[in-house]
Amino acid sequence: MEGIDYNKRYNEISKEFRNTNASKESVEKLYDLLYELKKIERSHSENMILCFIYKLLGYHQSAYKIFANTADMNNKKNKAKLLVMKDKATSHKDTFIIQDIRKFQKKQPQAKISLQDFVPIDNDENDFTLTNKSLVVFNKKINNKRIEFHLGNHELENYIDDIIKKLEWLSDCKEELICYYNRHLAQYTNKQANENWYHTLEVLSLKVTIGESGNIFADISCGEDYMLDHILDVETNEREIYDMRFDG
């Protein structure tokens, strides 16, 4: 866009991002620049800026695709950089990202589900997923393909109401999650969880299990901003978090 120096803006914002250890304000500025660049017909230079923004925010697969299609591959340094970016794109994809928390501050209502929404997994009578419905976990929508219900020897009809109550609790147990993290994991990250941390969680999978006693357990895997290269596993029993750990 004529008259706008995107290179100068990127340099200023990326410097702020690094100097403030990815502060909320600098992340929002990066996203604002990203959204703006995606709307315009970009030059070679502007494509490279978009690539660098994706890389800073953890979108390694997106950054790799742009770099591969834009950078001069006659340049040996670019060839070497492409190999490094390819490895990162393969291992991390666009999974461990720094989120734009402005998208997640509004409370998401839990989906309405009934017995008819449950379908067996691989014709197994007691393992289910949902038909074309997303659920809300930690105020984030999670696709039905990443949701599993394991009933053991129990009948779904006998537990559907309790499962619905459990899912309602999981939709926004913010205070419990923040409190447990700060008691048990903050010592390893040297950072305190807060509302901003909660809003940036990325929910990767949900597994609900009914134990022999009839208790309803839920295991949730997340991506989080303090340990970008690790998965955060959260385990719950009824309406209580009983374990939380990093995996990876």
Foldseek 3Di string as FASTA:
>chain_A
DPPDDLVVQLVVLVVVCVVVVNDLVSLLSLVVSLVVLVPDDDDLVSLLSNLVSCVVFQQLLVSLVSLVVRPDPVDPVSVVVSVVSVVSCVQRHSALGFDNLVVQPDADAFDDDDPVQWDADPPDPFKTFGDQDWGAFLSDTDTRVQEMEGEDPDDCVVCVVLVVVQSRLRNHVPVQVQVVCQVPPCVPLVDHDDPSQSSRKAWRHKYWYQDPVRWIKIWTWIHTNSCSSWIWIWIDTRNHTDDIDTHD
